[in-house]
């Protein structure tokens, strides 16, 4: 069975109910760059959770800005992430002296990669992922009420 994602940014996107739904290279309406979108099977089985997912997703411009500000606060995972890239892949920074870049400038170089929605009801969570190359990701996590939870670095 199929259902439509209640989102103005991804108008007409059909989901398979009861399955994990993952889409790559979707360009939200009004955006230039594509993103990936993930909705868990639990989310697709519950109409209220699906509507909550749509409401979260439709605030993408806000979340992009908000998450970048949070990343710019320099949580340990963020600092470790940038240290790793400065050491392993300095070309991502496009600067002769990586240390001359501010944390905000480094955060600005990240691309928004994925919007993810997990679980349903009070256990529902949301994640916005940022990356240089898709291999290493900074995830900004939110709870069911869209309240900031934490930032993690995932491989």
N, C-alpha and C. Protein backbone atom coordinates (compact mmCIF):
# COMPACT_ATOMS: atom_id res chain seq x y z
N UNK A 1 0.84 -1.18 0.00
CA UNK A 1 0.00 0.00 0.00
C UNK A 1 0.89 1.24 0.00
N UNK A 2 0.45 2.25 -0.70
CA UNK A 2 1.19 3.51 -0.82
C UNK A 2 0.42 4.64 -0.15
N UNK A 3 1.19 5.62 0.33
CA UNK A 3 0.60 6.84 0.87
C UNK A 3 1.51 7.99 0.49
N UNK A 4 0.93 9.16 0.37
CA UNK A 4 1.71 10.34 0.00
C UNK A 4 2.31 11.00 1.24
N UNK A 5 3.57 11.41 1.13
CA UNK A 5 4.21 12.16 2.19
C UNK A 5 3.54 13.52 2.28
N UNK A 6 3.00 13.89 3.45
CA UNK A 6 2.34 15.19 3.58
C UNK A 6 3.38 16.31 3.72
N UNK A 7 4.00 16.68 2.61
CA UNK A 7 5.06 17.68 2.60
C UNK A 7 4.94 18.55 1.37
N UNK A 8 5.02 19.85 1.57
CA UNK A 8 4.99 20.77 0.42
C UNK A 8 6.35 20.78 -0.29
N UNK A 9 7.43 20.43 0.40
CA UNK A 9 8.76 20.42 -0.23
C UNK A 9 8.96 19.21 -1.13
N UNK A 10 8.26 18.14 -0.84
CA UNK A 10 8.36 16.91 -1.63
C UNK A 10 6.96 16.51 -2.10
N UNK A 11 6.28 17.44 -2.71
CA UNK A 11 4.91 17.25 -3.15
C UNK A 11 4.79 16.05 -4.07
N UNK A 12 3.81 15.18 -3.78
CA UNK A 12 3.53 14.03 -4.61
C UNK A 12 4.43 12.83 -4.36
N UNK A 13 5.32 12.90 -3.38
CA UNK A 13 6.22 11.78 -3.10
C UNK A 13 5.44 10.65 -2.43
N UNK A 14 5.45 9.50 -3.07
CA UNK A 14 4.71 8.35 -2.55
C UNK A 14 5.63 7.46 -1.73
N UNK A 15 5.10 6.99 -0.59
CA UNK A 15 5.81 6.12 0.33
C UNK A 15 5.13 4.76 0.38
N UNK A 16 5.92 3.75 0.61
CA UNK A 16 5.37 2.41 0.81
C UNK A 16 5.11 2.23 2.30
N UNK A 17 3.87 2.02 2.67
CA UNK A 17 3.48 1.86 4.07
C UNK A 17 4.05 0.55 4.60
N UNK A 18 4.65 0.62 5.79
CA UNK A 18 5.18 -0.57 6.42
C UNK A 18 6.57 -0.96 5.96
N UNK A 19 7.21 -0.12 5.16
CA UNK A 19 8.58 -0.36 4.72
C UNK A 19 9.43 0.86 5.06
N UNK A 20 10.73 0.64 5.22
CA UNK A 20 11.66 1.76 5.27
C UNK A 20 11.66 2.39 3.88
N UNK A 21 11.59 3.69 3.82
CA UNK A 21 11.57 4.41 2.55
C UNK A 21 12.80 5.31 2.48
N UNK A 22 13.66 5.06 1.50
CA UNK A 22 14.88 5.85 1.33
C UNK A 22 14.95 6.34 -0.10
N UNK A 23 15.14 7.65 -0.25
CA UNK A 23 15.22 8.28 -1.55
C UNK A 23 16.52 9.08 -1.62
N UNK A 24 17.25 8.91 -2.70
CA UNK A 24 18.47 9.68 -2.93
C UNK A 24 18.23 10.74 -3.99
N UNK A 25 18.98 11.82 -3.87
CA UNK A 25 18.99 12.85 -4.90
C UNK A 25 17.63 13.45 -5.20
N UNK A 26 16.87 13.74 -4.15
CA UNK A 26 15.62 14.47 -4.30
C UNK A 26 15.90 15.95 -4.11
N UNK A 27 15.38 16.77 -4.96
CA UNK A 27 15.56 18.20 -4.79
C UNK A 27 14.26 18.79 -4.26
N UNK A 28 14.30 19.27 -3.00
CA UNK A 28 13.09 19.86 -2.42
C UNK A 28 12.64 21.07 -3.25
N UNK A 29 11.36 21.29 -3.34
CA UNK A 29 10.82 22.43 -4.06
C UNK A 29 11.44 23.71 -3.49
N UNK A 30 11.98 24.54 -4.37
CA UNK A 30 12.59 25.80 -3.96
C UNK A 30 14.07 25.69 -3.61
N UNK A 31 14.66 24.51 -3.74
CA UNK A 31 16.07 24.30 -3.42
C UNK A 31 16.84 23.97 -4.69
N UNK A 32 18.14 24.22 -4.67
CA UNK A 32 18.99 23.93 -5.82
C UNK A 32 19.70 22.59 -5.68
N UNK A 33 20.04 22.22 -4.46
CA UNK A 33 20.83 21.02 -4.22
C UNK A 33 19.94 19.86 -3.78
N UNK A 34 20.21 18.66 -4.28
CA UNK A 34 19.44 17.49 -3.86
C UNK A 34 19.85 17.02 -2.46
N UNK A 35 18.95 16.32 -1.83
CA UNK A 35 19.19 15.70 -0.52
C UNK A 35 18.65 14.27 -0.58
N UNK A 36 19.00 13.51 0.43
CA UNK A 36 18.40 12.18 0.60
C UNK A 36 17.33 12.28 1.67
N UNK A 37 16.38 11.40 1.60
CA UNK A 37 15.27 11.41 2.55
C UNK A 37 15.02 9.97 3.00
N UNK A 38 14.92 9.79 4.33
CA UNK A 38 14.65 8.47 4.89
C UNK A 38 13.48 8.57 5.86
N UNK A 39 12.52 7.67 5.73
CA UNK A 39 11.43 7.53 6.69
C UNK A 39 11.32 6.06 7.07
N UNK A 40 11.33 5.79 8.37
CA UNK A 40 11.29 4.41 8.84
C UNK A 40 9.92 3.80 8.63
N UNK A 41 9.90 2.47 8.65
CA UNK A 41 8.63 1.76 8.48
C UNK A 41 7.64 2.12 9.57
N UNK A 42 8.11 2.33 10.82
CA UNK A 42 7.22 2.69 11.92
C UNK A 42 6.52 4.01 11.65
N UNK A 43 7.26 4.95 11.09
CA UNK A 43 6.69 6.26 10.78
C UNK A 43 5.58 6.13 9.73
N UNK A 44 5.80 5.30 8.72
CA UNK A 44 4.83 5.20 7.62
C UNK A 44 3.54 4.50 8.04
N UNK A 45 3.57 3.77 9.13
CA UNK A 45 2.38 3.03 9.59
C UNK A 45 1.44 3.88 10.45
N UNK A 46 1.89 5.04 10.87
CA UNK A 46 1.14 5.86 11.80
C UNK A 46 0.88 7.23 11.18
N UNK A 47 -0.37 7.54 10.90
CA UNK A 47 -0.72 8.79 10.20
C UNK A 47 -0.24 10.02 10.96
N UNK A 48 -0.40 10.05 12.28
CA UNK A 48 0.05 11.20 13.07
C UNK A 48 1.55 11.39 12.95
N UNK A 49 2.29 10.30 12.99
CA UNK A 49 3.75 10.38 12.85
C UNK A 49 4.16 10.82 11.46
N UNK A 50 3.43 10.38 10.47
CA UNK A 50 3.71 10.79 9.10
C UNK A 50 3.44 12.30 8.92
N UNK A 51 2.38 12.78 9.52
CA UNK A 51 2.09 14.21 9.46
C UNK A 51 3.15 15.01 10.21
N UNK A 52 3.61 14.50 11.34
CA UNK A 52 4.69 15.15 12.08
C UNK A 52 5.96 15.18 11.24
N UNK A 53 6.25 14.09 10.54
CA UNK A 53 7.42 14.03 9.67
C UNK A 53 7.32 15.11 8.59
N UNK A 54 6.15 15.23 7.98
CA UNK A 54 5.95 16.25 6.94
C UNK A 54 6.15 17.65 7.49
N UNK A 55 5.64 17.90 8.69
CA UNK A 55 5.80 19.21 9.31
C UNK A 55 7.28 19.52 9.59
N UNK A 56 8.02 18.51 10.06
CA UNK A 56 9.44 18.70 10.31
C UNK A 56 10.18 18.98 9.00
N UNK A 57 9.93 18.17 8.01
CA UNK A 57 10.59 18.29 6.71
C UNK A 57 10.31 19.64 6.06
N UNK A 58 9.09 20.12 6.18
CA UNK A 58 8.72 21.38 5.54
C UNK A 58 9.40 22.59 6.17
N UNK A 59 10.05 22.40 7.30
CA UNK A 59 10.82 23.49 7.93
C UNK A 59 12.31 23.35 7.62
N UNK A 60 12.63 22.73 6.48
CA UNK A 60 14.01 22.43 6.13
C UNK A 60 14.90 23.67 6.14
N UNK A 61 14.44 24.78 5.60
CA UNK A 61 15.26 26.00 5.58
C UNK A 61 15.62 26.41 7.01
N UNK A 62 14.66 26.34 7.90
CA UNK A 62 14.91 26.66 9.31
C UNK A 62 15.92 25.68 9.91
N UNK A 63 15.71 24.38 9.67
CA UNK A 63 16.60 23.38 10.27
C UNK A 63 18.02 23.49 9.72
N UNK A 64 18.15 23.79 8.45
CA UNK A 64 19.48 23.95 7.86
C UNK A 64 20.23 25.07 8.58
N UNK A 65 19.59 26.19 8.73
CA UNK A 65 20.19 27.33 9.41
C UNK A 65 20.44 27.03 10.90
N UNK A 66 19.45 26.47 11.55
CA UNK A 66 19.55 26.15 12.98
C UNK A 66 20.67 25.16 13.24
N UNK A 67 20.73 24.10 12.42
CA UNK A 67 21.76 23.07 12.61
C UNK A 67 23.15 23.62 12.38
N UNK A 68 23.31 24.45 11.38
CA UNK A 68 24.63 25.05 11.13
C UNK A 68 25.05 25.92 12.31
N UNK A 69 24.10 26.63 12.89
CA UNK A 69 24.44 27.44 14.08
C UNK A 69 24.86 26.52 15.23
N UNK A 70 24.15 25.42 15.43
CA UNK A 70 24.51 24.46 16.48
C UNK A 70 25.88 23.84 16.22
N UNK A 71 26.15 23.47 14.97
CA UNK A 71 27.45 22.90 14.62
C UNK A 71 28.56 23.92 14.88
N UNK A 72 28.25 25.18 14.64
CA UNK A 72 29.22 26.26 14.84
C UNK A 72 29.54 26.55 16.30
N UNK A 73 28.79 25.94 17.21
CA UNK A 73 29.07 26.13 18.65
C UNK A 73 30.27 25.30 19.10
N UNK A 74 30.73 24.38 18.26
CA UNK A 74 31.96 23.66 18.55
C UNK A 74 31.83 22.50 19.52
N UNK A 75 30.75 21.73 19.42
CA UNK A 75 30.62 20.52 20.25
C UNK A 75 31.82 19.61 19.96
N UNK A 76 32.22 18.80 20.94
CA UNK A 76 33.40 17.93 20.73
C UNK A 76 33.33 17.09 19.46
N UNK A 77 32.17 16.52 19.14
CA UNK A 77 32.05 15.71 17.92
C UNK A 77 32.35 16.54 16.68
N UNK A 78 31.93 17.79 16.68
CA UNK A 78 32.15 18.68 15.54
C UNK A 78 33.63 19.00 15.40
N UNK A 79 34.26 19.34 16.49
CA UNK A 79 35.70 19.66 16.46
C UNK A 79 36.51 18.44 16.02
N UNK A 80 36.16 17.28 16.53
CA UNK A 80 36.86 16.04 16.13
C UNK A 80 36.66 15.76 14.64
N UNK A 81 35.45 15.97 14.16
CA UNK A 81 35.13 15.77 12.75
C UNK A 81 36.02 16.64 11.87
N UNK A 82 36.10 17.93 12.18
CA UNK A 82 36.90 18.84 11.37
C UNK A 82 38.40 18.56 11.51
N UNK A 83 38.83 18.15 12.67
CA UNK A 83 40.25 17.76 12.84
C UNK A 83 40.58 16.56 11.97
N UNK A 84 39.68 15.59 11.95
CA UNK A 84 39.86 14.40 11.11
C UNK A 84 40.01 14.81 9.65
N UNK A 85 39.08 15.65 9.16
CA UNK A 85 39.14 16.06 7.76
C UNK A 85 40.35 16.93 7.45
N UNK A 86 40.73 17.79 8.38
CA UNK A 86 41.91 18.63 8.16
C UNK A 86 43.16 17.78 7.99
N UNK A 87 43.21 16.69 8.74
CA UNK A 87 44.36 15.79 8.68
C UNK A 87 44.30 14.84 7.50
N UNK A 88 43.14 14.23 7.28
CA UNK A 88 43.00 13.19 6.26
C UNK A 88 42.67 13.72 4.86
N UNK A 89 41.87 14.76 4.79
CA UNK A 89 41.39 15.25 3.50
C UNK A 89 41.41 16.78 3.44
N UNK A 90 42.56 17.39 3.52
CA UNK A 90 42.61 18.86 3.56
C UNK A 90 42.03 19.55 2.33
N UNK A 91 41.94 18.83 1.20
CA UNK A 91 41.41 19.44 -0.02
C UNK A 91 39.96 19.89 0.12
N UNK A 92 39.21 19.28 1.05
CA UNK A 92 37.81 19.69 1.23
C UNK A 92 37.67 21.13 1.69
N UNK A 93 38.71 21.65 2.30
CA UNK A 93 38.62 23.01 2.83
C UNK A 93 38.99 24.07 1.81
N UNK A 94 39.61 23.70 0.71
CA UNK A 94 39.95 24.64 -0.36
C UNK A 94 40.65 25.88 0.18
N UNK A 95 41.59 25.66 1.07
CA UNK A 95 42.36 26.78 1.64
C UNK A 95 43.78 26.30 1.87
N UNK A 96 44.73 27.21 1.67
CA UNK A 96 46.13 26.86 1.89
C UNK A 96 46.39 26.57 3.36
N UNK A 97 45.78 27.37 4.21
CA UNK A 97 45.98 27.20 5.64
C UNK A 97 44.62 26.92 6.29
N UNK A 98 44.35 25.64 6.49
CA UNK A 98 43.06 25.23 7.05
C UNK A 98 42.79 25.90 8.39
N UNK A 99 43.84 26.07 9.17
CA UNK A 99 43.68 26.67 10.49
C UNK A 99 43.24 28.13 10.42
N UNK A 100 43.38 28.76 9.24
CA UNK A 100 42.94 30.15 9.10
C UNK A 100 41.43 30.26 8.96
N UNK A 101 40.79 29.14 8.66
CA UNK A 101 39.33 29.15 8.54
C UNK A 101 38.68 29.09 9.92
N UNK A 102 37.66 29.89 10.10
CA UNK A 102 36.91 29.84 11.35
C UNK A 102 36.03 28.59 11.35
N UNK A 103 35.53 28.23 12.52
CA UNK A 103 34.62 27.10 12.61
C UNK A 103 33.37 27.36 11.76
N UNK A 104 32.86 28.57 11.78
CA UNK A 104 31.68 28.91 10.98
C UNK A 104 31.96 28.73 9.49
N UNK A 105 33.17 29.09 9.04
CA UNK A 105 33.52 28.90 7.63
C UNK A 105 33.59 27.42 7.28
N UNK A 106 34.13 26.62 8.18
CA UNK A 106 34.19 25.17 7.95
C UNK A 106 32.78 24.58 7.88
N UNK A 107 31.93 25.00 8.80
CA UNK A 107 30.54 24.52 8.80
C UNK A 107 29.85 24.92 7.50
N UNK A 108 30.15 26.11 7.01
CA UNK A 108 29.55 26.58 5.76
C UNK A 108 29.94 25.75 4.54
N UNK A 109 31.04 25.04 4.62
CA UNK A 109 31.49 24.20 3.52
C UNK A 109 30.76 22.85 3.47
N UNK A 110 30.10 22.48 4.55
CA UNK A 110 29.37 21.21 4.59
C UNK A 110 28.13 21.28 3.71
N UNK A 111 27.76 20.14 3.16
CA UNK A 111 26.50 20.09 2.42
C UNK A 111 25.48 19.30 3.23
N UNK A 112 24.26 19.76 3.16
CA UNK A 112 23.17 19.05 3.80
C UNK A 112 22.94 17.78 2.99
N UNK A 113 23.05 16.63 3.64
CA UNK A 113 22.97 15.37 2.91
C UNK A 113 21.63 14.67 3.06
N UNK A 114 21.17 14.49 4.30
CA UNK A 114 20.01 13.63 4.53
C UNK A 114 19.08 14.23 5.59
N UNK A 115 17.79 14.02 5.38
CA UNK A 115 16.77 14.26 6.39
C UNK A 115 16.24 12.87 6.72
N UNK A 116 16.26 12.51 8.00
CA UNK A 116 15.82 11.17 8.40
C UNK A 116 14.78 11.27 9.50
N UNK A 117 13.78 10.39 9.39
CA UNK A 117 12.72 10.31 10.39
C UNK A 117 12.66 8.85 10.85
N UNK A 118 12.78 8.67 12.17
CA UNK A 118 12.79 7.33 12.75
C UNK A 118 11.62 7.16 13.72
N UNK A 119 11.09 5.98 13.80
CA UNK A 119 10.08 5.59 14.78
C UNK A 119 8.79 6.37 14.63
N UNK A 120 7.94 6.28 15.66
CA UNK A 120 6.63 6.92 15.60
C UNK A 120 6.22 7.37 17.00
N UNK A 121 5.16 8.18 17.03
CA UNK A 121 4.62 8.65 18.31
C UNK A 121 5.65 9.37 19.16
N UNK A 122 5.61 9.11 20.46
CA UNK A 122 6.52 9.78 21.39
C UNK A 122 7.97 9.35 21.21
N UNK A 123 8.21 8.24 20.54
CA UNK A 123 9.58 7.75 20.29
C UNK A 123 10.16 8.29 18.99
N UNK A 124 9.36 9.06 18.25
CA UNK A 124 9.81 9.55 16.96
C UNK A 124 11.01 10.48 17.12
N UNK A 125 11.98 10.33 16.23
CA UNK A 125 13.16 11.20 16.22
C UNK A 125 13.43 11.66 14.80
N UNK A 126 14.18 12.75 14.71
CA UNK A 126 14.51 13.36 13.43
C UNK A 126 16.01 13.63 13.40
N UNK A 127 16.60 13.53 12.22
CA UNK A 127 18.03 13.81 12.07
C UNK A 127 18.25 14.60 10.79
N UNK A 128 19.15 15.55 10.88
CA UNK A 128 19.62 16.29 9.72
C UNK A 128 21.12 16.00 9.63
N UNK A 129 21.56 15.45 8.50
CA UNK A 129 22.95 15.04 8.32
C UNK A 129 23.69 15.99 7.39
N UNK A 130 24.94 16.30 7.80
CA UNK A 130 25.82 17.16 7.01
C UNK A 130 27.11 16.41 6.74
N UNK A 131 27.71 16.66 5.57
CA UNK A 131 28.91 15.93 5.20
C UNK A 131 29.72 16.71 4.17
N UNK A 132 30.94 16.23 3.94
CA UNK A 132 31.73 16.66 2.79
C UNK A 132 31.55 15.67 1.66
N UNK A 133 31.63 14.37 2.00
CA UNK A 133 31.72 13.33 0.99
C UNK A 133 30.76 12.17 1.18
N UNK A 134 29.94 12.19 2.21
CA UNK A 134 28.99 11.11 2.45
C UNK A 134 29.54 9.96 3.27
N UNK A 135 30.85 9.90 3.43
CA UNK A 135 31.45 8.81 4.21
C UNK A 135 31.37 9.09 5.71
N UNK A 136 31.70 10.29 6.09
CA UNK A 136 31.65 10.73 7.49
C UNK A 136 30.57 11.80 7.58
N UNK A 137 29.73 11.69 8.61
CA UNK A 137 28.54 12.54 8.68
C UNK A 137 28.39 13.13 10.08
N UNK A 138 28.07 14.42 10.13
CA UNK A 138 27.65 15.05 11.38
C UNK A 138 26.13 15.04 11.40
N UNK A 139 25.56 14.42 12.42
CA UNK A 139 24.11 14.29 12.55
C UNK A 139 23.61 15.18 13.68
N UNK A 140 22.66 16.03 13.37
CA UNK A 140 22.01 16.84 14.37
C UNK A 140 20.67 16.18 14.65
N UNK A 141 20.48 15.77 15.90
CA UNK A 141 19.32 14.95 16.28
C UNK A 141 18.29 15.76 17.05
N UNK A 142 17.01 15.41 16.81
CA UNK A 142 15.88 16.08 17.44
C UNK A 142 14.91 15.03 17.97
N UNK A 143 14.16 15.40 18.99
CA UNK A 143 13.17 14.48 19.56
C UNK A 143 11.81 14.66 18.87
N UNK A 144 10.81 13.97 19.39
CA UNK A 144 9.47 13.97 18.79
C UNK A 144 8.82 15.35 18.78
N UNK A 145 9.26 16.23 19.69
CA UNK A 145 8.72 17.58 19.76
C UNK A 145 9.54 18.59 18.97
N UNK A 146 10.47 18.10 18.15
CA UNK A 146 11.39 18.91 17.34
C UNK A 146 12.40 19.66 18.19
N UNK A 147 12.61 19.23 19.42
CA UNK A 147 13.59 19.86 20.31
C UNK A 147 14.97 19.26 20.04
N UNK A 148 15.98 20.11 20.00
CA UNK A 148 17.36 19.66 19.79
C UNK A 148 17.73 18.64 20.86
N UNK A 149 18.38 17.57 20.41
CA UNK A 149 18.83 16.51 21.33
C UNK A 149 20.35 16.55 21.47
N UNK A 150 21.06 16.30 20.34
CA UNK A 150 22.51 16.27 20.41
C UNK A 150 23.09 16.21 18.99
N UNK A 151 24.42 16.32 18.93
CA UNK A 151 25.15 16.18 17.67
C UNK A 151 26.06 14.97 17.81
N UNK A 152 26.05 14.11 16.79
CA UNK A 152 26.93 12.94 16.78
C UNK A 152 27.66 12.89 15.44
N UNK A 153 28.82 12.25 15.47
CA UNK A 153 29.61 12.01 14.26
C UNK A 153 29.50 10.54 13.95
N UNK A 154 29.03 10.23 12.74
CA UNK A 154 28.85 8.83 12.33
C UNK A 154 29.64 8.54 11.07
N UNK A 155 30.09 7.30 10.97
CA UNK A 155 30.80 6.85 9.76
C UNK A 155 29.88 6.00 8.92
